[in-house]
Amino acid sequence: MKKKELLIGLFACSTLFILSACKTTKHESNVNTSQTEKVNDGEFVDYYESGKVWLKGSYKNNLQDGMFIEYYENGAVRIEEKYLNGERSGQYISYFKNGQIESKGMFKNGLEEGNWNYYYADGKPEKNINFLNGQLHGKYEFMWSNGAIKRTGEFSKGKVKSTIEFYNSNGTLNSKIDQKSAEKQGLQFI
């Protein structure tokens, strides 16, 4: 009997310990709930355990709708994105903790669309990639941190279309691989 009580006590203590270690968020909402339809509408704010703002956004007809802004715990903006009827739609920007832009592009119907730019933490360009309906499509290039081209190629509806060229950090061509070889080897370039 004592063993059983001891095991139950240990289990309860370990459960409480594990739960206390989990991240908790406090919620503050200006959400209007209709009792008949149970639809959430309005703005909301989520917080870090420290009490600092983590996320601001809004809902319409129980779906994400409008601007959503996520923050680092230091208060700097981490992500700015727009939603329409629960799907990402419009401009998306992510930031490094230092405030520099990390990535910037557009969403359409929840999928990446058009030109996306990615940057190093110092603000220099890192990648330039194009999308069509969420698939890699069109020319792309990667840059070394010194600005020299690192890799170039082209995709069509998610598949390698052209020869991929790899460059050294001094800008000289290092190697090339054609589409068929890339597909046979199952190479991933993005």
N, C-alpha and C. Protein backbone atom coordinates (compact mmCIF):
# COMPACT_ATOMS: atom_id res chain seq x y z
N MET A 1 0.82 -1.19 0.00
CA MET A 1 0.00 0.00 0.00
C MET A 1 0.87 1.26 0.00
N LYS A 2 1.95 1.24 0.82
CA LYS A 2 2.83 2.41 0.87
C LYS A 2 3.53 2.62 -0.47
N LYS A 3 3.90 1.51 -1.15
CA LYS A 3 4.55 1.64 -2.45
C LYS A 3 3.61 2.30 -3.45
N LYS A 4 2.34 1.91 -3.40
CA LYS A 4 1.36 2.48 -4.31
C LYS A 4 1.19 3.98 -4.07
N GLU A 5 1.10 4.38 -2.80
CA GLU A 5 0.97 5.80 -2.45
C GLU A 5 2.21 6.57 -2.87
N LEU A 6 3.39 5.97 -2.67
CA LEU A 6 4.65 6.60 -3.05
C LEU A 6 4.70 6.80 -4.57
N LEU A 7 4.33 5.78 -5.33
CA LEU A 7 4.33 5.88 -6.79
C LEU A 7 3.35 6.95 -7.27
N ILE A 8 2.17 6.99 -6.67
CA ILE A 8 1.18 8.02 -7.05
C ILE A 8 1.73 9.41 -6.73
N GLY A 9 2.36 9.56 -5.58
CA GLY A 9 2.94 10.85 -5.20
C GLY A 9 4.05 11.27 -6.14
N LEU A 10 4.94 10.33 -6.49
CA LEU A 10 6.03 10.64 -7.43
C LEU A 10 5.47 11.01 -8.81
N PHE A 11 4.47 10.29 -9.27
CA PHE A 11 3.85 10.59 -10.55
C PHE A 11 3.24 11.99 -10.55
N ALA A 12 2.52 12.33 -9.49
CA ALA A 12 1.89 13.65 -9.38
C ALA A 12 2.94 14.76 -9.36
N CYS A 13 4.01 14.56 -8.59
CA CYS A 13 5.07 15.57 -8.51
C CYS A 13 5.78 15.74 -9.85
N SER A 14 6.08 14.61 -10.52
CA SER A 14 6.78 14.72 -11.80
C SER A 14 5.88 15.38 -12.84
N THR A 15 4.59 15.10 -12.82
CA THR A 15 3.66 15.75 -13.74
C THR A 15 3.62 17.25 -13.50
N LEU A 16 3.54 17.66 -12.25
CA LEU A 16 3.53 19.09 -11.92
C LEU A 16 4.84 19.76 -12.35
N PHE A 17 5.96 19.07 -12.16
CA PHE A 17 7.26 19.61 -12.54
C PHE A 17 7.32 19.83 -14.05
N ILE A 18 6.88 18.83 -14.82
CA ILE A 18 6.90 18.94 -16.28
C ILE A 18 5.98 20.06 -16.75
N LEU A 19 4.80 20.14 -16.18
CA LEU A 19 3.86 21.19 -16.58
C LEU A 19 4.38 22.58 -16.23
N SER A 20 5.07 22.71 -15.12
CA SER A 20 5.59 24.03 -14.74
C SER A 20 6.71 24.48 -15.66
N ALA A 21 7.39 23.53 -16.31
CA ALA A 21 8.48 23.88 -17.22
C ALA A 21 7.98 24.29 -18.59
N CYS A 22 6.73 24.01 -18.92
CA CYS A 22 6.17 24.33 -20.23
C CYS A 22 5.95 25.83 -20.35
N LYS A 23 6.10 26.34 -21.60
CA LYS A 23 5.84 27.75 -21.87
C LYS A 23 4.34 28.01 -21.75
N THR A 24 4.00 29.03 -21.03
CA THR A 24 2.59 29.40 -20.94
C THR A 24 2.41 30.78 -21.54
N THR A 25 1.27 31.00 -22.11
CA THR A 25 0.97 32.32 -22.63
C THR A 25 -0.31 32.80 -21.99
N LYS A 26 -0.36 34.11 -21.79
CA LYS A 26 -1.57 34.69 -21.24
C LYS A 26 -2.30 35.33 -22.41
N HIS A 27 -3.59 35.25 -22.43
CA HIS A 27 -4.37 35.73 -23.56
C HIS A 27 -5.22 36.92 -23.13
N GLU A 28 -5.21 37.94 -23.99
CA GLU A 28 -6.10 39.07 -23.80
C GLU A 28 -6.82 39.22 -25.12
N SER A 29 -8.09 39.22 -25.11
CA SER A 29 -8.82 39.27 -26.37
C SER A 29 -9.94 40.30 -26.32
N ASN A 30 -10.13 40.94 -27.43
CA ASN A 30 -11.32 41.74 -27.67
C ASN A 30 -12.15 40.96 -28.67
N VAL A 31 -12.43 39.72 -28.36
CA VAL A 31 -13.13 38.84 -29.28
C VAL A 31 -14.60 38.80 -28.89
N ASN A 32 -15.46 39.14 -29.83
CA ASN A 32 -16.90 39.08 -29.61
C ASN A 32 -17.40 37.72 -30.07
N THR A 33 -18.02 36.99 -29.20
CA THR A 33 -18.51 35.66 -29.54
C THR A 33 -20.02 35.67 -29.58
N SER A 34 -20.56 35.24 -30.69
CA SER A 34 -22.00 35.08 -30.81
C SER A 34 -22.37 33.74 -30.22
N GLN A 35 -23.26 33.72 -29.26
CA GLN A 35 -23.63 32.48 -28.59
C GLN A 35 -24.31 31.49 -29.53
N THR A 36 -25.02 32.00 -30.55
CA THR A 36 -25.73 31.08 -31.43
C THR A 36 -24.81 30.48 -32.49
N GLU A 37 -23.91 31.28 -33.04
CA GLU A 37 -23.05 30.79 -34.12
C GLU A 37 -21.65 30.42 -33.66
N LYS A 38 -21.26 30.84 -32.47
CA LYS A 38 -19.93 30.60 -31.92
C LYS A 38 -18.83 31.05 -32.90
N VAL A 39 -18.98 32.25 -33.46
CA VAL A 39 -18.01 32.80 -34.40
C VAL A 39 -17.20 33.87 -33.68
N ASN A 40 -15.88 33.78 -33.79
CA ASN A 40 -15.01 34.77 -33.16
C ASN A 40 -14.68 35.87 -34.15
N ASP A 41 -14.86 37.09 -33.72
CA ASP A 41 -14.53 38.27 -34.52
C ASP A 41 -13.80 39.26 -33.64
N GLY A 42 -12.81 39.92 -34.21
CA GLY A 42 -12.14 40.98 -33.50
C GLY A 42 -10.66 40.77 -33.35
N GLU A 43 -10.04 41.71 -32.66
CA GLU A 43 -8.59 41.70 -32.48
C GLU A 43 -8.22 40.91 -31.24
N PHE A 44 -6.99 40.37 -31.25
CA PHE A 44 -6.49 39.66 -30.08
C PHE A 44 -5.00 39.94 -29.92
N VAL A 45 -4.52 39.68 -28.71
CA VAL A 45 -3.10 39.84 -28.40
C VAL A 45 -2.68 38.63 -27.57
N ASP A 46 -1.57 37.99 -27.94
CA ASP A 46 -0.97 36.92 -27.14
C ASP A 46 0.34 37.43 -26.56
N TYR A 47 0.71 36.90 -25.40
CA TYR A 47 1.88 37.39 -24.67
C TYR A 47 2.88 36.28 -24.38
N TYR A 48 4.14 36.68 -24.26
CA TYR A 48 5.16 35.79 -23.71
C TYR A 48 4.89 35.64 -22.22
N GLU A 49 5.49 34.65 -21.61
CA GLU A 49 5.35 34.46 -20.17
C GLU A 49 5.81 35.70 -19.40
N SER A 50 6.76 36.44 -19.98
CA SER A 50 7.28 37.65 -19.34
C SER A 50 6.27 38.79 -19.34
N GLY A 51 5.18 38.64 -20.10
CA GLY A 51 4.18 39.70 -20.18
C GLY A 51 4.35 40.57 -21.41
N LYS A 52 5.43 40.37 -22.16
CA LYS A 52 5.64 41.16 -23.37
C LYS A 52 4.81 40.58 -24.52
N VAL A 53 4.42 41.46 -25.43
CA VAL A 53 3.57 41.05 -26.55
C VAL A 53 4.32 40.09 -27.47
N TRP A 54 3.66 38.99 -27.82
CA TRP A 54 4.21 38.00 -28.75
C TRP A 54 3.53 38.09 -30.12
N LEU A 55 2.20 38.26 -30.14
CA LEU A 55 1.47 38.23 -31.40
C LEU A 55 0.23 39.10 -31.31
N LYS A 56 -0.01 39.87 -32.38
CA LYS A 56 -1.23 40.65 -32.51
C LYS A 56 -1.88 40.28 -33.84
N GLY A 57 -3.19 40.17 -33.83
CA GLY A 57 -3.89 39.85 -35.06
C GLY A 57 -5.38 40.03 -34.89
N SER A 58 -6.12 39.61 -35.90
CA SER A 58 -7.58 39.72 -35.82
C SER A 58 -8.24 38.57 -36.57
N TYR A 59 -9.47 38.32 -36.16
CA TYR A 59 -10.28 37.26 -36.75
C TYR A 59 -11.57 37.85 -37.29
N LYS A 60 -12.06 37.25 -38.35
CA LYS A 60 -13.35 37.61 -38.91
C LYS A 60 -14.02 36.29 -39.30
N ASN A 61 -15.23 36.08 -38.81
CA ASN A 61 -15.94 34.82 -39.06
C ASN A 61 -15.11 33.61 -38.65
N ASN A 62 -14.42 33.74 -37.53
CA ASN A 62 -13.62 32.67 -36.94
C ASN A 62 -12.39 32.30 -37.77
N LEU A 63 -11.97 33.19 -38.70
CA LEU A 63 -10.79 32.96 -39.53
C LEU A 63 -9.83 34.13 -39.38
N GLN A 64 -8.53 33.84 -39.48
CA GLN A 64 -7.54 34.91 -39.45
C GLN A 64 -7.85 35.86 -40.61
N ASP A 65 -7.85 37.16 -40.31
CA ASP A 65 -8.20 38.14 -41.33
C ASP A 65 -7.56 39.47 -40.96
N GLY A 66 -6.76 40.01 -41.86
CA GLY A 66 -6.09 41.27 -41.60
C GLY A 66 -4.62 41.08 -41.27
N MET A 67 -4.03 42.11 -40.73
CA MET A 67 -2.59 42.12 -40.43
C MET A 67 -2.30 41.33 -39.16
N PHE A 68 -1.28 40.47 -39.22
CA PHE A 68 -0.75 39.75 -38.06
C PHE A 68 0.69 40.18 -37.88
N ILE A 69 1.04 40.51 -36.64
CA ILE A 69 2.41 40.92 -36.34
C ILE A 69 2.91 40.08 -35.18
N GLU A 70 4.04 39.40 -35.41
CA GLU A 70 4.69 38.60 -34.37
C GLU A 70 5.94 39.35 -33.92
N TYR A 71 6.19 39.32 -32.60
CA TYR A 71 7.31 40.08 -32.02
C TYR A 71 8.32 39.14 -31.37
N TYR A 72 9.58 39.56 -31.39
CA TYR A 72 10.59 38.93 -30.54
C TYR A 72 10.30 39.37 -29.11
N GLU A 73 10.84 38.65 -28.15
CA GLU A 73 10.58 39.01 -26.76
C GLU A 73 11.18 40.37 -26.41
N ASN A 74 12.20 40.82 -27.18
CA ASN A 74 12.79 42.13 -26.92
C ASN A 74 11.92 43.27 -27.47
N GLY A 75 10.78 42.94 -28.10
CA GLY A 75 9.87 43.95 -28.61
C GLY A 75 10.02 44.25 -30.09
N ALA A 76 11.10 43.78 -30.71
CA ALA A 76 11.31 44.00 -32.14
C ALA A 76 10.34 43.14 -32.94
N VAL A 77 9.92 43.65 -34.08
CA VAL A 77 9.01 42.90 -34.95
C VAL A 77 9.75 41.72 -35.56
N ARG A 78 9.13 40.54 -35.53
CA ARG A 78 9.71 39.33 -36.13
C ARG A 78 9.07 39.02 -37.48
N ILE A 79 7.74 39.11 -37.57
CA ILE A 79 7.02 38.82 -38.82
C ILE A 79 5.83 39.76 -38.96
N GLU A 80 5.64 40.27 -40.17
CA GLU A 80 4.43 41.02 -40.53
C GLU A 80 3.82 40.29 -41.72
N GLU A 81 2.56 39.91 -41.59
CA GLU A 81 1.90 39.20 -42.68
C GLU A 81 0.41 39.50 -42.67
N LYS A 82 -0.20 39.37 -43.84
CA LYS A 82 -1.63 39.63 -43.97
C LYS A 82 -2.37 38.33 -44.26
N TYR A 83 -3.58 38.26 -43.73
CA TYR A 83 -4.47 37.13 -43.98
C TYR A 83 -5.77 37.62 -44.57
N LEU A 84 -6.37 36.78 -45.38
CA LEU A 84 -7.69 37.04 -45.93
C LEU A 84 -8.47 35.73 -45.88
N ASN A 85 -9.55 35.73 -45.11
CA ASN A 85 -10.38 34.53 -44.97
C ASN A 85 -9.57 33.30 -44.54
N GLY A 86 -8.64 33.49 -43.61
CA GLY A 86 -7.88 32.38 -43.06
C GLY A 86 -6.65 31.96 -43.83
N GLU A 87 -6.35 32.61 -44.95
CA GLU A 87 -5.17 32.27 -45.74
C GLU A 87 -4.25 33.47 -45.85
N ARG A 88 -2.94 33.18 -45.88
CA ARG A 88 -1.99 34.26 -46.11
C ARG A 88 -2.29 34.87 -47.47
N SER A 89 -2.31 36.20 -47.50
CA SER A 89 -2.63 36.90 -48.74
C SER A 89 -2.01 38.28 -48.67
N GLY A 90 -1.11 38.57 -49.58
CA GLY A 90 -0.46 39.87 -49.59
C GLY A 90 0.97 39.77 -49.11
N GLN A 91 1.50 40.92 -48.74
CA GLN A 91 2.92 40.99 -48.39
C GLN A 91 3.27 40.27 -47.09
N TYR A 92 4.43 39.61 -47.11
CA TYR A 92 4.99 38.92 -45.95
C TYR A 92 6.40 39.45 -45.77
N ILE A 93 6.74 39.86 -44.54
CA ILE A 93 8.10 40.31 -44.23
C ILE A 93 8.52 39.69 -42.91
N SER A 94 9.70 39.07 -42.89
CA SER A 94 10.28 38.59 -41.63
C SER A 94 11.55 39.38 -41.37
N TYR A 95 11.87 39.52 -40.07
CA TYR A 95 13.00 40.34 -39.65
C TYR A 95 13.93 39.55 -38.74
N PHE A 96 15.21 39.90 -38.79
CA PHE A 96 16.16 39.41 -37.81
C PHE A 96 15.95 40.20 -36.51
N LYS A 97 16.52 39.70 -35.41
CA LYS A 97 16.39 40.42 -34.13
C LYS A 97 16.97 41.82 -34.19
N ASN A 98 17.95 42.04 -35.09
CA ASN A 98 18.58 43.36 -35.18
C ASN A 98 17.75 44.35 -35.99
N GLY A 99 16.58 43.91 -36.50
CA GLY A 99 15.70 44.80 -37.25
C GLY A 99 15.87 44.74 -38.75
N GLN A 100 16.94 44.11 -39.23
CA GLN A 100 17.14 43.98 -40.67
C GLN A 100 16.11 42.99 -41.25
N ILE A 101 15.71 43.23 -42.48
CA ILE A 101 14.78 42.31 -43.14
C ILE A 101 15.49 40.99 -43.42
N GLU A 102 14.81 39.88 -43.08
CA GLU A 102 15.32 38.53 -43.33
C GLU A 102 14.76 37.98 -44.64
N SER A 103 13.45 38.17 -44.87
CA SER A 103 12.83 37.72 -46.11
C SER A 103 11.63 38.60 -46.41
N LYS A 104 11.32 38.67 -47.72
CA LYS A 104 10.22 39.54 -48.14
C LYS A 104 9.62 38.96 -49.41
N GLY A 105 8.29 38.80 -49.41
CA GLY A 105 7.62 38.27 -50.59
C GLY A 105 6.12 38.43 -50.47
N MET A 106 5.41 37.78 -51.38
CA MET A 106 3.96 37.88 -51.42
C MET A 106 3.33 36.50 -51.33
N PHE A 107 2.13 36.47 -50.76
CA PHE A 107 1.29 35.27 -50.74
C PHE A 107 0.02 35.56 -51.52
N LYS A 108 -0.48 34.54 -52.19
CA LYS A 108 -1.76 34.63 -52.89
C LYS A 108 -2.49 33.32 -52.63
N ASN A 109 -3.67 33.40 -52.05
CA ASN A 109 -4.45 32.20 -51.72
C ASN A 109 -3.65 31.22 -50.86
N GLY A 110 -2.84 31.75 -49.94
CA GLY A 110 -2.08 30.92 -49.02
C GLY A 110 -0.78 30.37 -49.57
N LEU A 111 -0.42 30.69 -50.81
CA LEU A 111 0.79 30.16 -51.44
C LEU A 111 1.74 31.28 -51.82
N GLU A 112 3.06 30.98 -51.79
CA GLU A 112 4.04 31.96 -52.22
C GLU A 112 3.80 32.30 -53.68
N GLU A 113 3.98 33.58 -54.01
CA GLU A 113 3.71 34.04 -55.36
C GLU A 113 4.69 35.14 -55.73
N GLY A 114 5.27 35.06 -56.91
CA GLY A 114 6.15 36.11 -57.40
C GLY A 114 7.54 36.04 -56.80
N ASN A 115 8.18 37.20 -56.80
CA ASN A 115 9.58 37.30 -56.37
C ASN A 115 9.70 37.35 -54.85
N TRP A 116 10.58 36.52 -54.29
CA TRP A 116 10.90 36.52 -52.87
C TRP A 116 12.37 36.83 -52.72
N ASN A 117 12.69 37.73 -51.79
CA ASN A 117 14.07 38.09 -51.51
C ASN A 117 14.42 37.71 -50.09
N TYR A 118 15.62 37.16 -49.92
CA TYR A 118 16.14 36.75 -48.61
C TYR A 118 17.46 37.48 -48.39
N TYR A 119 17.74 37.81 -47.13
CA TYR A 119 18.90 38.64 -46.81
C TYR A 119 19.73 38.03 -45.69
N TYR A 120 21.01 38.38 -45.68
CA TYR A 120 21.87 38.08 -44.53
C TYR A 120 21.52 39.07 -43.41
N ALA A 121 21.96 38.78 -42.20
CA ALA A 121 21.63 39.62 -41.04
C ALA A 121 22.18 41.04 -41.18
N ASP A 122 23.20 41.23 -42.03
CA ASP A 122 23.74 42.58 -42.22
C ASP A 122 23.00 43.36 -43.31
N GLY A 123 21.95 42.75 -43.90
CA GLY A 123 21.14 43.43 -44.91
C GLY A 123 21.54 43.14 -46.34
N LYS A 124 22.65 42.43 -46.56
CA LYS A 124 23.08 42.11 -47.92
C LYS A 124 22.20 40.99 -48.49
N PRO A 125 21.94 41.01 -49.81
CA PRO A 125 21.10 39.97 -50.43
C PRO A 125 21.72 38.58 -50.30
N GLU A 126 20.88 37.59 -50.00
CA GLU A 126 21.34 36.20 -49.91
C GLU A 126 20.74 35.34 -51.02
N LYS A 127 19.43 35.50 -51.31
CA LYS A 127 18.75 34.70 -52.33
C LYS A 127 17.68 35.55 -53.00
N ASN A 128 17.43 35.24 -54.24
CA ASN A 128 16.35 35.83 -55.00
C ASN A 128 15.65 34.67 -55.69
N ILE A 129 14.40 34.38 -55.30
CA ILE A 129 13.69 33.19 -55.76
C ILE A 129 12.30 33.61 -56.25
N ASN A 130 11.82 32.94 -57.28
CA ASN A 130 10.49 33.21 -57.83
C ASN A 130 9.56 32.02 -57.63
N PHE A 131 8.30 32.33 -57.37
CA PHE A 131 7.28 31.30 -57.14
C PHE A 131 6.07 31.55 -58.03
N LEU A 132 5.39 30.46 -58.37
CA LEU A 132 4.12 30.51 -59.06
C LEU A 132 3.22 29.48 -58.40
N ASN A 133 2.14 29.94 -57.79
CA ASN A 133 1.22 29.04 -57.06
C ASN A 133 1.95 28.16 -56.05
N GLY A 134 2.91 28.75 -55.33
CA GLY A 134 3.61 28.02 -54.27
C GLY A 134 4.74 27.13 -54.75
N GLN A 135 4.98 27.06 -56.04
CA GLN A 135 6.06 26.24 -56.57
C GLN A 135 7.18 27.13 -57.10
N LEU A 136 8.41 26.63 -56.99
CA LEU A 136 9.55 27.35 -57.55
C LEU A 136 9.32 27.48 -59.05
N HIS A 137 9.47 28.71 -59.55
CA HIS A 137 9.18 28.94 -60.97
C HIS A 137 9.96 30.17 -61.43
N GLY A 138 10.78 30.00 -62.43
CA GLY A 138 11.55 31.11 -62.96
C GLY A 138 12.99 31.06 -62.46
N LYS A 139 13.71 32.11 -62.78
CA LYS A 139 15.13 32.18 -62.42
C LYS A 139 15.31 32.40 -60.93
N TYR A 140 16.42 31.88 -60.42
CA TYR A 140 16.79 32.14 -59.03
C TYR A 140 18.29 32.33 -58.95
N GLU A 141 18.71 33.02 -57.90
CA GLU A 141 20.15 33.16 -57.65
C GLU A 141 20.41 33.27 -56.16
N PHE A 142 21.52 32.67 -55.77
CA PHE A 142 22.02 32.77 -54.40
C PHE A 142 23.29 33.59 -54.45
N MET A 143 23.53 34.38 -53.41
CA MET A 143 24.72 35.21 -53.35
C MET A 143 25.57 34.84 -52.14
N TRP A 144 26.87 34.96 -52.30
CA TRP A 144 27.78 34.87 -51.16
C TRP A 144 27.60 36.13 -50.32
N SER A 145 28.07 36.11 -49.08
CA SER A 145 27.92 37.28 -48.20
C SER A 145 28.70 38.49 -48.73
N ASN A 146 29.67 38.26 -49.64
CA ASN A 146 30.41 39.38 -50.22
C ASN A 146 29.69 39.98 -51.44
N GLY A 147 28.52 39.42 -51.80
CA GLY A 147 27.73 39.93 -52.91
C GLY A 147 27.94 39.18 -54.22
N ALA A 148 28.97 38.35 -54.31
CA ALA A 148 29.23 37.59 -55.54
C ALA A 148 28.16 36.50 -55.70
N ILE A 149 27.85 36.17 -56.95
CA ILE A 149 26.88 35.10 -57.24
C ILE A 149 27.43 33.77 -56.74
N LYS A 150 26.59 33.01 -56.05
CA LYS A 150 26.97 31.70 -55.51
C LYS A 150 26.41 30.57 -56.38
N ARG A 151 25.15 30.74 -56.84
CA ARG A 151 24.48 29.69 -57.61
C ARG A 151 23.35 30.32 -58.40
N THR A 152 23.16 29.88 -59.63
CA THR A 152 22.04 30.35 -60.45
C THR A 152 21.40 29.16 -61.15
N GLY A 153 20.15 29.34 -61.51
CA GLY A 153 19.43 28.31 -62.23
C GLY A 153 18.02 28.77 -62.53
N GLU A 154 17.22 27.83 -63.00
CA GLU A 154 15.84 28.17 -63.33
C GLU A 154 14.95 26.96 -63.06
N PHE A 155 13.75 27.25 -62.56
CA PHE A 155 12.74 26.23 -62.29
C PHE A 155 11.51 26.50 -63.14
N SER A 156 10.77 25.44 -63.42
CA SER A 156 9.48 25.56 -64.07
C SER A 156 8.50 24.68 -63.30
N LYS A 157 7.54 25.32 -62.66
CA LYS A 157 6.52 24.61 -61.87
C LYS A 157 7.14 23.60 -60.91
N GLY A 158 8.18 24.02 -60.20
CA GLY A 158 8.79 23.20 -59.16
C GLY A 158 9.89 22.26 -59.61
N LYS A 159 10.16 22.19 -60.90
CA LYS A 159 11.20 21.28 -61.40
C LYS A 159 12.34 22.08 -62.01
N VAL A 160 13.55 21.54 -61.87
CA VAL A 160 14.73 22.17 -62.45
C VAL A 160 14.53 22.25 -63.96
N LYS A 161 14.76 23.45 -64.53
CA LYS A 161 14.54 23.64 -65.96
C LYS A 161 15.84 23.82 -66.72
N SER A 162 16.84 24.39 -66.08
CA SER A 162 18.06 24.74 -66.80
C SER A 162 19.28 24.13 -66.11
N THR A 163 20.42 24.41 -66.67
CA THR A 163 21.68 24.03 -66.05
C THR A 163 21.86 24.89 -64.80
N ILE A 164 22.26 24.26 -63.71
CA ILE A 164 22.54 24.99 -62.48
C ILE A 164 24.03 25.30 -62.47
N GLU A 165 24.37 26.55 -62.21
CA GLU A 165 25.77 26.96 -62.19
C GLU A 165 26.17 27.31 -60.77
N PHE A 166 27.32 26.79 -60.35
CA PHE A 166 27.86 27.04 -59.01
C PHE A 166 29.12 27.89 -59.15
N TYR A 167 29.25 28.91 -58.31
CA TYR A 167 30.38 29.83 -58.39
C TYR A 167 31.15 29.85 -57.07
N ASN A 168 32.45 30.13 -57.17
CA ASN A 168 33.27 30.35 -55.98
C ASN A 168 32.97 31.73 -55.42
N SER A 169 33.39 31.99 -54.20
CA SER A 169 33.11 33.28 -53.57
C SER A 169 33.79 34.45 -54.27
N ASN A 170 34.78 34.16 -55.13
CA ASN A 170 35.41 35.24 -55.89
C ASN A 170 34.69 35.50 -57.21
N GLY A 171 33.60 34.76 -57.48
CA GLY A 171 32.79 34.99 -58.67
C GLY A 171 33.13 34.12 -59.86
N THR A 172 34.14 33.25 -59.74
CA THR A 172 34.49 32.39 -60.87
C THR A 172 33.63 31.13 -60.86
N LEU A 173 33.28 30.67 -62.07
CA LEU A 173 32.45 29.48 -62.22
C LEU A 173 33.19 28.26 -61.68
N ASN A 174 32.54 27.51 -60.81
CA ASN A 174 33.13 26.32 -60.20
C ASN A 174 32.66 25.06 -60.92
N SER A 175 31.33 24.93 -61.12
CA SER A 175 30.80 23.74 -61.77
C SER A 175 29.40 24.00 -62.29
N LYS A 176 28.95 23.08 -63.15
CA LYS A 176 27.60 23.13 -63.70
C LYS A 176 27.00 21.74 -63.59
N ILE A 177 25.69 21.69 -63.44
CA ILE A 177 24.99 20.41 -63.47
C ILE A 177 23.72 20.61 -64.28
N ASP A 178 23.45 19.69 -65.21
CA ASP A 178 22.27 19.84 -66.06
C ASP A 178 21.03 19.28 -65.37
N GLN A 179 19.88 19.57 -65.95
CA GLN A 179 18.59 19.19 -65.37
C GLN A 179 18.47 17.69 -65.15
N LYS A 180 18.80 16.90 -66.16
CA LYS A 180 18.63 15.45 -66.05
C LYS A 180 19.52 14.86 -64.97
N SER A 181 20.76 15.32 -64.88
CA SER A 181 21.68 14.84 -63.84
C SER A 181 21.16 15.22 -62.46
N ALA A 182 20.66 16.43 -62.35
CA ALA A 182 20.13 16.90 -61.06
C ALA A 182 18.95 16.04 -60.63
N GLU A 183 18.04 15.74 -61.56
CA GLU A 183 16.87 14.92 -61.23
C GLU A 183 17.27 13.49 -60.87
N LYS A 184 18.23 12.91 -61.61
CA LYS A 184 18.69 11.55 -61.32
C LYS A 184 19.30 11.45 -59.93
N GLN A 185 20.05 12.49 -59.55
CA GLN A 185 20.72 12.49 -58.26
C GLN A 185 19.80 12.94 -57.13
N GLY A 186 18.60 13.41 -57.47
CA GLY A 186 17.65 13.87 -56.46
C GLY A 186 18.15 15.09 -55.71
N LEU A 187 18.90 15.94 -56.39
CA LEU A 187 19.49 17.11 -55.73
C LEU A 187 18.44 18.16 -55.41
N GLN A 188 18.60 18.77 -54.26
CA GLN A 188 17.74 19.88 -53.83
C GLN A 188 18.57 21.15 -53.91
N PHE A 189 18.07 22.16 -54.58
CA PHE A 189 18.85 23.37 -54.77
C PHE A 189 18.33 24.56 -53.98
N ILE A 190 17.22 24.45 -53.35
CA ILE A 190 16.68 25.56 -52.58
C ILE A 190 16.59 25.16 -51.14
